[in-house]
PDB file of all heavy atoms in Angstrom:
ATOM      1  N   SER A   1     -12.202   6.948   4.392  1.00  0.00           N
ATOM      2  CA  SER A   1     -13.508   7.545   4.347  1.00  0.00           C
ATOM      3  C   SER A   1     -14.361   6.930   3.187  1.00  0.00           C
ATOM      4  O   SER A   1     -15.529   7.288   3.074  1.00  0.00           O
ATOM      5  CB  SER A   1     -13.457   9.088   4.261  1.00  0.00           C
ATOM      6  OG  SER A   1     -12.790   9.457   2.963  1.00  0.00           O
ATOM      7  N   CYS A   2     -13.742   6.099   2.362  1.00  0.00           N
ATOM      8  CA  CYS A   2     -14.489   5.540   1.267  1.00  0.00           C
ATOM      9  C   CYS A   2     -14.687   4.064   1.425  1.00  0.00           C
ATOM     10  O   CYS A   2     -13.940   3.371   2.203  1.00  0.00           O
ATOM     11  CB  CYS A   2     -13.603   5.649  -0.063  1.00  0.00           C
ATOM     12  SG  CYS A   2     -13.665   7.319  -0.764  1.00  0.00           S
ATOM     13  N   LYS A   3     -15.694   3.539   0.874  1.00  0.00           N
ATOM     14  CA  LYS A   3     -15.864   2.050   0.899  1.00  0.00           C
ATOM     15  C   LYS A   3     -14.685   1.427   0.074  1.00  0.00           C
ATOM     16  O   LYS A   3     -14.212   1.959  -0.883  1.00  0.00           O
ATOM     17  CB  LYS A   3     -17.151   1.721   0.159  1.00  0.00           C
ATOM     18  CG  LYS A   3     -18.468   2.047   0.930  1.00  0.00           C
ATOM     19  CD  LYS A   3     -19.537   1.229   0.337  1.00  0.00           C
ATOM     20  CE  LYS A   3     -20.676   1.990   0.025  1.00  0.00           C
ATOM     21  NZ  LYS A   3     -21.775   1.237  -0.630  1.00  0.00           N
ATOM     22  N   ASP A   4     -14.314   0.187   0.585  1.00  0.00           N
ATOM     23  CA  ASP A   4     -13.260  -0.476  -0.112  1.00  0.00           C
ATOM     24  C   ASP A   4     -13.546  -0.753  -1.477  1.00  0.00           C
ATOM     25  O   ASP A   4     -12.676  -0.765  -2.414  1.00  0.00           O
ATOM     26  CB  ASP A   4     -13.050  -1.828   0.663  1.00  0.00           C
ATOM     27  CG  ASP A   4     -12.406  -1.699   2.030  1.00  0.00           C
ATOM     28  OD1 ASP A   4     -11.992  -0.505   2.304  1.00  0.00           O
ATOM     29  OD2 ASP A   4     -12.400  -2.678   2.875  1.00  0.00           O
ATOM     30  N   THR A   5     -14.851  -0.955  -1.894  1.00  0.00           N
ATOM     31  CA  THR A   5     -15.095  -1.330  -3.352  1.00  0.00           C
ATOM     32  C   THR A   5     -15.092   0.001  -4.196  1.00  0.00           C
ATOM     33  O   THR A   5     -15.440  -0.090  -5.376  1.00  0.00           O
ATOM     34  CB  THR A   5     -16.615  -1.977  -3.382  1.00  0.00           C
ATOM     35  OG1 THR A   5     -17.451  -1.161  -2.681  1.00  0.00           O
ATOM     36  CG2 THR A   5     -16.471  -3.337  -2.752  1.00  0.00           C
ATOM     37  N   ASP A   6     -14.876   1.115  -3.600  1.00  0.00           N
ATOM     38  CA  ASP A   6     -14.762   2.417  -4.390  1.00  0.00           C
ATOM     39  C   ASP A   6     -13.394   2.887  -4.623  1.00  0.00           C
ATOM     40  O   ASP A   6     -13.166   3.980  -5.047  1.00  0.00           O
ATOM     41  CB  ASP A   6     -15.574   3.501  -3.638  1.00  0.00           C
ATOM     42  CG  ASP A   6     -17.053   3.170  -3.614  1.00  0.00           C
ATOM     43  OD1 ASP A   6     -17.567   2.321  -4.476  1.00  0.00           O
ATOM     44  OD2 ASP A   6     -17.726   3.840  -2.747  1.00  0.00           O
ATOM     45  N   VAL A   7     -12.440   2.018  -4.406  1.00  0.00           N
ATOM     46  CA  VAL A   7     -11.039   2.612  -4.428  1.00  0.00           C
ATOM     47  C   VAL A   7     -10.146   1.645  -5.229  1.00  0.00           C
ATOM     48  O   VAL A   7     -10.245   0.448  -5.128  1.00  0.00           O
ATOM     49  CB  VAL A   7     -10.426   2.613  -2.956  1.00  0.00           C
ATOM     50  CG1 VAL A   7      -8.945   3.115  -3.097  1.00  0.00           C
ATOM     51  CG2 VAL A   7     -11.220   3.637  -2.189  1.00  0.00           C
ATOM     52  N   VAL A   8      -9.252   2.247  -6.049  1.00  0.00           N
ATOM     53  CA  VAL A   8      -8.127   1.604  -6.704  1.00  0.00           C
ATOM     54  C   VAL A   8      -6.895   2.472  -6.350  1.00  0.00           C
ATOM     55  O   VAL A   8      -6.847   3.621  -6.562  1.00  0.00           O
ATOM     56  CB  VAL A   8      -8.238   1.587  -8.230  1.00  0.00           C
ATOM     57  CG1 VAL A   8      -7.071   1.104  -8.870  1.00  0.00           C
ATOM     58  CG2 VAL A   8      -9.469   0.693  -8.625  1.00  0.00           C
ATOM     59  N   ILE A   9      -5.864   1.774  -5.804  1.00  0.00           N
ATOM     60  CA  ILE A   9      -4.591   2.414  -5.425  1.00  0.00           C
ATOM     61  C   ILE A   9      -3.510   2.112  -6.494  1.00  0.00           C
ATOM     62  O   ILE A   9      -3.289   0.906  -6.795  1.00  0.00           O
ATOM     63  CB  ILE A   9      -4.126   2.028  -4.019  1.00  0.00           C
ATOM     64  CG1 ILE A   9      -5.290   2.245  -2.976  1.00  0.00           C
ATOM     65  CG2 ILE A   9      -2.847   2.632  -3.603  1.00  0.00           C
ATOM     66  CD1 ILE A   9      -5.003   1.631  -1.657  1.00  0.00           C
ATOM     67  N   ILE A  10      -2.942   3.027  -7.020  1.00  0.00           N
ATOM     68  CA  ILE A  10      -1.746   2.875  -7.879  1.00  0.00           C
ATOM     69  C   ILE A  10      -0.517   3.225  -7.192  1.00  0.00           C
ATOM     70  O   ILE A  10      -0.408   4.441  -6.662  1.00  0.00           O
ATOM     71  CB  ILE A  10      -1.917   3.692  -9.213  1.00  0.00           C
ATOM     72  CG1 ILE A  10      -3.184   3.396  -9.956  1.00  0.00           C
ATOM     73  CG2 ILE A  10      -0.781   3.476 -10.067  1.00  0.00           C
ATOM     74  CD1 ILE A  10      -3.474   4.127 -11.211  1.00  0.00           C
ATOM     75  N   THR A  11       0.434   2.377  -7.147  1.00  0.00           N
ATOM     76  CA  THR A  11       1.573   2.566  -6.140  1.00  0.00           C
ATOM     77  C   THR A  11       2.852   2.012  -6.750  1.00  0.00           C
ATOM     78  O   THR A  11       2.956   1.427  -7.876  1.00  0.00           O
ATOM     79  CB  THR A  11       1.205   1.890  -4.822  1.00  0.00           C
ATOM     80  OG1 THR A  11       2.269   2.284  -3.832  1.00  0.00           O
ATOM     81  CG2 THR A  11       1.195   0.483  -4.877  1.00  0.00           C
ATOM     82  N   THR A  12       3.961   2.191  -6.057  1.00  0.00           N
ATOM     83  CA  THR A  12       5.239   1.692  -6.364  1.00  0.00           C
ATOM     84  C   THR A  12       5.606   0.481  -5.605  1.00  0.00           C
ATOM     85  O   THR A  12       4.890   0.145  -4.576  1.00  0.00           O
ATOM     86  CB  THR A  12       6.309   2.845  -6.129  1.00  0.00           C
ATOM     87  OG1 THR A  12       6.213   3.157  -4.726  1.00  0.00           O
ATOM     88  CG2 THR A  12       6.076   4.004  -6.998  1.00  0.00           C
ATOM     89  N   GLY A  13       6.619  -0.234  -5.952  1.00  0.00           N
ATOM     90  CA  GLY A  13       7.148  -1.298  -5.204  1.00  0.00           C
ATOM     91  C   GLY A  13       6.963  -2.652  -5.891  1.00  0.00           C
ATOM     92  O   GLY A  13       7.208  -3.758  -5.266  1.00  0.00           O
ATOM     93  N   SER A  14       6.786  -2.692  -7.090  1.00  0.00           N
ATOM     94  CA  SER A  14       6.652  -3.845  -7.886  1.00  0.00           C
ATOM     95  C   SER A  14       7.819  -4.841  -7.803  1.00  0.00           C
ATOM     96  O   SER A  14       7.816  -6.071  -8.162  1.00  0.00           O
ATOM     97  CB  SER A  14       6.138  -3.727  -9.271  1.00  0.00           C
ATOM     98  OG  SER A  14       7.051  -3.012 -10.005  1.00  0.00           O
ATOM     99  N   GLN A  15       8.979  -4.180  -7.589  1.00  0.00           N
ATOM    100  CA  GLN A  15      10.280  -4.912  -7.524  1.00  0.00           C
ATOM    101  C   GLN A  15      10.760  -5.338  -6.134  1.00  0.00           C
ATOM    102  O   GLN A  15      11.831  -5.687  -5.966  1.00  0.00           O
ATOM    103  CB  GLN A  15      11.367  -4.168  -8.319  1.00  0.00           C
ATOM    104  CG  GLN A  15      11.092  -3.829  -9.674  1.00  0.00           C
ATOM    105  CD  GLN A  15      10.872  -5.174 -10.484  1.00  0.00           C
ATOM    106  OE1 GLN A  15      11.724  -5.955 -10.552  1.00  0.00           O
ATOM    107  NE2 GLN A  15       9.683  -5.251 -11.136  1.00  0.00           N
ATOM    108  N   GLY A  16       9.904  -5.099  -5.223  1.00  0.00           N
ATOM    109  CA  GLY A  16      10.179  -5.451  -3.831  1.00  0.00           C
ATOM    110  C   GLY A  16      11.163  -4.505  -3.091  1.00  0.00           C
ATOM    111  O   GLY A  16      11.799  -4.870  -2.110  1.00  0.00           O
ATOM    112  N   GLU A  17      11.193  -3.212  -3.522  1.00  0.00           N
ATOM    113  CA  GLU A  17      12.005  -2.263  -3.010  1.00  0.00           C
ATOM    114  C   GLU A  17      11.696  -2.099  -1.435  1.00  0.00           C
ATOM    115  O   GLU A  17      10.631  -1.936  -1.178  1.00  0.00           O
ATOM    116  CB  GLU A  17      11.965  -0.861  -3.603  1.00  0.00           C
ATOM    117  CG  GLU A  17      12.276  -0.917  -5.189  1.00  0.00           C
ATOM    118  CD  GLU A  17      11.054  -1.135  -5.991  1.00  0.00           C
ATOM    119  OE1 GLU A  17      10.161  -1.872  -5.627  1.00  0.00           O
ATOM    120  OE2 GLU A  17      11.066  -0.625  -7.150  1.00  0.00           O
ATOM    121  N   PRO A  18      12.667  -2.130  -0.548  1.00  0.00           N
ATOM    122  CA  PRO A  18      12.445  -2.165   0.948  1.00  0.00           C
ATOM    123  C   PRO A  18      11.536  -1.078   1.326  1.00  0.00           C
ATOM    124  O   PRO A  18      10.760  -1.195   2.241  1.00  0.00           O
ATOM    125  CB  PRO A  18      13.831  -2.211   1.488  1.00  0.00           C
ATOM    126  CG  PRO A  18      14.794  -2.680   0.516  1.00  0.00           C
ATOM    127  CD  PRO A  18      14.220  -2.271  -0.892  1.00  0.00           C
ATOM    128  N   MET A  19      11.887   0.206   0.899  1.00  0.00           N
ATOM    129  CA  MET A  19      11.200   1.386   1.367  1.00  0.00           C
ATOM    130  C   MET A  19       9.948   1.865   0.546  1.00  0.00           C
ATOM    131  O   MET A  19       9.439   2.854   0.739  1.00  0.00           O
ATOM    132  CB  MET A  19      12.124   2.537   1.545  1.00  0.00           C
ATOM    133  CG  MET A  19      13.180   2.287   2.710  1.00  0.00           C
ATOM    134  SD  MET A  19      12.527   1.703   4.207  1.00  0.00           S
ATOM    135  CE  MET A  19      11.627   3.227   4.728  1.00  0.00           C
ATOM    136  N   SER A  20       9.608   1.035  -0.451  1.00  0.00           N
ATOM    137  CA  SER A  20       8.535   1.417  -1.409  1.00  0.00           C
ATOM    138  C   SER A  20       7.208   1.380  -0.622  1.00  0.00           C
ATOM    139  O   SER A  20       7.100   0.694   0.423  1.00  0.00           O
ATOM    140  CB  SER A  20       8.433   0.478  -2.523  1.00  0.00           C
ATOM    141  OG  SER A  20       8.115  -0.863  -2.185  1.00  0.00           O
ATOM    142  N   ALA A  21       6.160   1.999  -1.188  1.00  0.00           N
ATOM    143  CA  ALA A  21       4.877   1.933  -0.566  1.00  0.00           C
ATOM    144  C   ALA A  21       4.259   0.582  -0.444  1.00  0.00           C
ATOM    145  O   ALA A  21       3.718   0.270   0.584  1.00  0.00           O
ATOM    146  CB  ALA A  21       3.928   2.828  -1.437  1.00  0.00           C
ATOM    147  N   LEU A  22       4.394  -0.255  -1.407  1.00  0.00           N
ATOM    148  CA  LEU A  22       3.891  -1.527  -1.434  1.00  0.00           C
ATOM    149  C   LEU A  22       4.531  -2.429  -0.279  1.00  0.00           C
ATOM    150  O   LEU A  22       3.908  -3.194   0.431  1.00  0.00           O
ATOM    151  CB  LEU A  22       3.961  -2.247  -2.732  1.00  0.00           C
ATOM    152  CG  LEU A  22       3.265  -3.679  -2.789  1.00  0.00           C
ATOM    153  CD1 LEU A  22       1.872  -3.610  -2.562  1.00  0.00           C
ATOM    154  CD2 LEU A  22       3.639  -4.352  -4.114  1.00  0.00           C
ATOM    155  N   SER A  23       5.885  -2.294  -0.189  1.00  0.00           N
ATOM    156  CA  SER A  23       6.620  -2.921   0.780  1.00  0.00           C
ATOM    157  C   SER A  23       6.103  -2.573   2.230  1.00  0.00           C
ATOM    158  O   SER A  23       5.931  -3.408   3.052  1.00  0.00           O
ATOM    159  CB  SER A  23       8.107  -2.675   0.648  1.00  0.00           C
ATOM    160  OG  SER A  23       8.831  -3.352   1.624  1.00  0.00           O
ATOM    161  N   ARG A  24       5.925  -1.330   2.391  1.00  0.00           N
ATOM    162  CA  ARG A  24       5.444  -0.830   3.738  1.00  0.00           C
ATOM    163  C   ARG A  24       4.016  -1.377   3.963  1.00  0.00           C
ATOM    164  O   ARG A  24       3.663  -1.679   5.149  1.00  0.00           O
ATOM    165  CB  ARG A  24       5.563   0.789   3.814  1.00  0.00           C
ATOM    166  CG  ARG A  24       6.884   1.205   3.961  1.00  0.00           C
ATOM    167  CD  ARG A  24       7.060   2.592   4.127  1.00  0.00           C
ATOM    168  NE  ARG A  24       6.930   3.365   2.834  1.00  0.00           N
ATOM    169  CZ  ARG A  24       6.028   4.256   2.548  1.00  0.00           C
ATOM    170  NH1 ARG A  24       5.087   4.564   3.421  1.00  0.00           N
ATOM    171  NH2 ARG A  24       5.994   4.868   1.256  1.00  0.00           N
ATOM    172  N   MET A  25       3.216  -1.423   2.956  1.00  0.00           N
ATOM    173  CA  MET A  25       1.802  -2.019   3.161  1.00  0.00           C
ATOM    174  C   MET A  25       1.957  -3.555   3.533  1.00  0.00           C
ATOM    175  O   MET A  25       1.252  -3.908   4.351  1.00  0.00           O
ATOM    176  CB  MET A  25       1.036  -1.959   1.753  1.00  0.00           C
ATOM    177  CG  MET A  25       0.704  -0.555   1.373  1.00  0.00           C
ATOM    178  SD  MET A  25      -0.172  -0.566  -0.242  1.00  0.00           S
ATOM    179  CE  MET A  25       0.026   1.123  -0.771  1.00  0.00           C
ATOM    180  N   ALA A  26       2.873  -4.232   2.790  1.00  0.00           N
ATOM    181  CA  ALA A  26       2.994  -5.653   3.018  1.00  0.00           C
ATOM    182  C   ALA A  26       3.451  -6.053   4.467  1.00  0.00           C
ATOM    183  O   ALA A  26       3.118  -7.047   5.059  1.00  0.00           O
ATOM    184  CB  ALA A  26       3.892  -6.301   1.956  1.00  0.00           C
ATOM    185  N   THR A  27       4.310  -5.138   5.024  1.00  0.00           N
ATOM    186  CA  THR A  27       4.811  -5.441   6.320  1.00  0.00           C
ATOM    187  C   THR A  27       4.052  -4.693   7.450  1.00  0.00           C
ATOM    188  O   THR A  27       4.515  -4.723   8.659  1.00  0.00           O
ATOM    189  CB  THR A  27       6.398  -4.909   6.324  1.00  0.00           C
ATOM    190  OG1 THR A  27       6.470  -3.516   5.943  1.00  0.00           O
ATOM    191  CG2 THR A  27       7.241  -5.762   5.457  1.00  0.00           C
ATOM    192  N   GLY A  28       3.038  -4.003   7.096  1.00  0.00           N
ATOM    193  CA  GLY A  28       2.235  -3.224   8.130  1.00  0.00           C
ATOM    194  C   GLY A  28       2.712  -1.982   8.595  1.00  0.00           C
ATOM    195  O   GLY A  28       2.340  -1.449   9.592  1.00  0.00           O
ATOM    196  N   PHE A  29       3.674  -1.317   7.909  1.00  0.00           N
ATOM    197  CA  PHE A  29       4.369  -0.018   8.314  1.00  0.00           C
ATOM    198  C   PHE A  29       3.783   1.153   7.510  1.00  0.00           C
ATOM    199  O   PHE A  29       4.307   2.189   7.719  1.00  0.00           O
ATOM    200  CB  PHE A  29       5.869  -0.139   8.265  1.00  0.00           C
ATOM    201  CG  PHE A  29       6.423  -1.066   9.254  1.00  0.00           C
ATOM    202  CD1 PHE A  29       6.964  -2.199   8.951  1.00  0.00           C
ATOM    203  CD2 PHE A  29       6.494  -0.643  10.591  1.00  0.00           C
ATOM    204  CE1 PHE A  29       7.531  -3.056   9.926  1.00  0.00           C
ATOM    205  CE2 PHE A  29       7.107  -1.453  11.666  1.00  0.00           C
ATOM    206  CZ  PHE A  29       7.586  -2.712  11.207  1.00  0.00           C
ATOM    207  N   HIS A  30       2.925   0.956   6.687  1.00  0.00           N
ATOM    208  CA  HIS A  30       2.256   2.046   5.926  1.00  0.00           C
ATOM    209  C   HIS A  30       1.265   2.828   6.839  1.00  0.00           C
ATOM    210  O   HIS A  30       0.452   2.250   7.520  1.00  0.00           O
ATOM    211  CB  HIS A  30       1.515   1.548   4.643  1.00  0.00           C
ATOM    212  CG  HIS A  30       1.244   2.532   3.699  1.00  0.00           C
ATOM    213  ND1 HIS A  30       0.250   3.626   3.785  1.00  0.00           N
ATOM    214  CD2 HIS A  30       1.903   2.924   2.472  1.00  0.00           C
ATOM    215  CE1 HIS A  30       0.298   4.419   2.738  1.00  0.00           C
ATOM    216  NE2 HIS A  30       1.268   3.976   1.963  1.00  0.00           N
ATOM    217  N   LYS A  31       1.366   4.243   6.865  1.00  0.00           N
ATOM    218  CA  LYS A  31       0.619   4.970   7.708  1.00  0.00           C
ATOM    219  C   LYS A  31      -0.884   4.879   7.466  1.00  0.00           C
ATOM    220  O   LYS A  31      -1.706   4.986   8.313  1.00  0.00           O
ATOM    221  CB  LYS A  31       1.060   6.368   7.751  1.00  0.00           C
ATOM    222  CG  LYS A  31       2.408   6.596   8.396  1.00  0.00           C
ATOM    223  CD  LYS A  31       2.855   8.073   8.409  1.00  0.00           C
ATOM    224  CE  LYS A  31       4.149   8.254   8.992  1.00  0.00           C
ATOM    225  NZ  LYS A  31       4.596   9.638   9.044  1.00  0.00           N
ATOM    226  N   GLN A  32      -1.256   4.857   6.199  1.00  0.00           N
ATOM    227  CA  GLN A  32      -2.658   4.978   5.766  1.00  0.00           C
ATOM    228  C   GLN A  32      -3.271   3.691   5.275  1.00  0.00           C
ATOM    229  O   GLN A  32      -4.515   3.501   5.406  1.00  0.00           O
ATOM    230  CB  GLN A  32      -2.865   6.005   4.724  1.00  0.00           C
ATOM    231  CG  GLN A  32      -2.681   7.493   5.215  1.00  0.00           C
ATOM    232  CD  GLN A  32      -1.196   7.862   5.112  1.00  0.00           C
ATOM    233  OE1 GLN A  32      -0.413   7.304   4.320  1.00  0.00           O
ATOM    234  NE2 GLN A  32      -0.873   8.967   5.773  1.00  0.00           N
ATOM    235  N   VAL A  33      -2.430   2.822   4.691  1.00  0.00           N
ATOM    236  CA  VAL A  33      -3.056   1.610   4.050  1.00  0.00           C
ATOM    237  C   VAL A  33      -2.612   0.356   4.819  1.00  0.00           C
ATOM    238  O   VAL A  33      -1.481  -0.068   4.712  1.00  0.00           O
ATOM    239  CB  VAL A  33      -2.666   1.542   2.569  1.00  0.00           C
ATOM    240  CG1 VAL A  33      -3.326   0.339   1.840  1.00  0.00           C
ATOM    241  CG2 VAL A  33      -3.042   2.792   1.798  1.00  0.00           C
ATOM    242  N   ASN A  34      -3.557  -0.341   5.333  1.00  0.00           N
ATOM    243  CA  ASN A  34      -3.339  -1.618   6.022  1.00  0.00           C
ATOM    244  C   ASN A  34      -3.980  -2.733   5.181  1.00  0.00           C
ATOM    245  O   ASN A  34      -5.171  -2.746   4.980  1.00  0.00           O
ATOM    246  CB  ASN A  34      -3.909  -1.637   7.484  1.00  0.00           C
ATOM    247  CG  ASN A  34      -3.234  -0.758   8.397  1.00  0.00           C
ATOM    248  OD1 ASN A  34      -1.917  -0.742   8.486  1.00  0.00           O
ATOM    249  ND2 ASN A  34      -3.959   0.115   9.062  1.00  0.00           N
ATOM    250  N   ILE A  35      -3.143  -3.607   4.705  1.00  0.00           N
ATOM    251  CA  ILE A  35      -3.636  -4.660   3.894  1.00  0.00           C
ATOM    252  C   ILE A  35      -4.571  -5.565   4.674  1.00  0.00           C
ATOM    253  O   ILE A  35      -4.201  -5.959   5.787  1.00  0.00           O
ATOM    254  CB  ILE A  35      -2.485  -5.534   3.280  1.00  0.00           C
ATOM    255  CG1 ILE A  35      -1.643  -4.694   2.346  1.00  0.00           C
ATOM    256  CG2 ILE A  35      -3.007  -6.703   2.432  1.00  0.00           C
ATOM    257  CD1 ILE A  35      -2.314  -4.140   1.178  1.00  0.00           C
TER     258      ILE A  35
END
């Protein structure tokens, strides 16, 4: 509901953990955030 330029997301997954939020974003399996 927000413009892309109005958002900063702080998340987990900086170590490549398979089920982390960032990993799911990178593979397209995150429910809300599509890269």
